[in-house]
Protein backbone atom coordinates (compact mmCIF):
# COMPACT_ATOMS: atom_id res chain seq x y z
CA UNK A 1 0.00 0.00 0.00
CA UNK A 2 2.80 2.49 0.82
CA UNK A 3 4.75 1.95 -2.40
CA UNK A 4 6.02 5.52 -2.82
CA UNK A 5 8.54 7.38 -0.70
CA UNK A 6 8.15 11.15 -0.63
CA UNK A 7 10.63 13.72 0.64
CA UNK A 8 8.80 16.56 2.40
CA UNK A 9 10.85 19.76 2.74
CA UNK A 10 10.31 23.30 3.94
CA UNK A 11 12.01 25.78 1.61
CA UNK A 12 12.97 28.96 3.45
CA UNK A 13 13.09 32.50 2.07
CA UNK A 14 16.76 32.00 1.08
CA UNK A 15 15.87 28.94 -1.00
CA UNK A 16 17.40 26.45 1.45
CA UNK A 17 15.54 23.17 1.87
CA UNK A 18 15.01 21.62 5.33
CA UNK A 19 13.39 18.28 6.13
CA UNK A 20 10.00 18.83 7.73
CA UNK A 21 9.90 17.44 11.26
CA UNK A 22 8.00 14.18 11.55
CA UNK A 23 5.57 15.74 14.04
CA UNK A 24 4.44 18.18 11.31
CA UNK A 25 3.92 15.34 8.84
CA UNK A 26 2.22 13.16 11.45
CA UNK A 27 -0.08 16.02 12.46
CA UNK A 28 -1.21 16.40 8.84
CA UNK A 29 -1.68 12.65 8.39
CA UNK A 30 -3.70 12.26 11.59
CA UNK A 31 -5.95 15.20 10.74
CA UNK A 32 -6.61 13.74 7.32
CA UNK A 33 -7.26 10.29 8.77
CA UNK A 34 -10.77 11.43 9.64
CA UNK A 35 -11.32 14.52 7.48
CA UNK A 36 -10.01 13.77 3.98
CA UNK A 37 -10.03 10.15 2.80
CA UNK A 38 -7.88 10.92 -0.25
CA UNK A 39 -4.83 11.14 2.04
CA UNK A 40 -5.56 8.05 4.15
CA UNK A 41 -2.86 6.09 2.33
CA UNK A 42 -0.01 8.04 3.94
CA UNK A 43 2.45 6.97 6.60
CA UNK A 44 4.91 9.41 8.25
CA UNK A 45 8.24 7.61 8.63
CA UNK A 46 10.84 10.11 9.85
CA UNK A 47 11.80 13.76 9.50
CA UNK A 48 11.24 14.69 5.87
CA UNK A 49 9.94 11.28 4.79
CA UNK A 50 6.38 10.21 4.05
CA UNK A 51 5.34 6.94 2.47
CA UNK A 52 2.20 6.97 0.35
CA UNK A 53 0.05 4.72 -1.79
CA UNK A 54 -0.59 5.30 -5.48
CA UNK A 55 -4.09 6.68 -4.75
CA UNK A 56 -2.56 9.80 -3.17
CA UNK A 57 -2.44 12.53 -5.86
CA UNK A 58 0.82 14.47 -5.50
CA UNK A 59 -0.67 17.49 -7.28
CA UNK A 60 -3.20 17.74 -4.42
CA UNK A 61 -0.91 16.67 -1.59
CA UNK A 62 1.48 19.64 -1.70
CA UNK A 63 -1.16 22.40 -1.51
CA UNK A 64 -3.09 20.47 1.15
CA UNK A 65 -0.01 19.96 3.33
CA UNK A 66 1.23 23.50 2.77
CA UNK A 67 -2.16 24.94 3.72
CA UNK A 68 -2.32 22.80 6.87
CA UNK A 69 1.26 23.72 7.86
CA UNK A 70 0.43 27.43 7.43
CA UNK A 71 -2.73 27.15 9.54
CA UNK A 72 -0.71 25.43 12.28
CA UNK A 73 1.97 28.15 12.11
CA UNK A 74 4.69 25.74 10.98
CA UNK A 75 5.49 27.64 7.75
CA UNK A 76 6.38 31.32 7.69
CA UNK A 77 4.68 33.49 5.04
CA UNK A 78 7.73 33.49 2.72
CA UNK A 79 8.33 29.74 3.02
CA UNK A 80 7.00 27.03 0.70
CA UNK A 81 6.74 23.27 0.75
CA UNK A 82 8.51 20.96 -1.67
CA UNK A 83 7.49 17.33 -2.17
CA UNK A 84 9.76 15.06 -4.16
CA UNK A 85 9.06 11.44 -5.05
CA UNK A 86 12.18 9.37 -4.38
CA UNK A 87 13.32 6.71 -6.81
CA UNK A 88 12.39 3.29 -5.58
């Protein structure tokens, strides 16, 4: 089910990428466990690493995670989120 490995990074205002802490990723995954079934096939693994099934649309995942991280105050206004699928 969790066939894809995704790198989740916060990109700061200087363009430097930083692995998102696992508690950020876990917070998003747990919220979506009950509120948005499209992201149920996700598993936080460690800082900056999320495993996901093929049903999870990456084009929807980044804006959803970024929006949640902003609402929680994890991302500063000038920061963005980068999601990269790792080669298997």
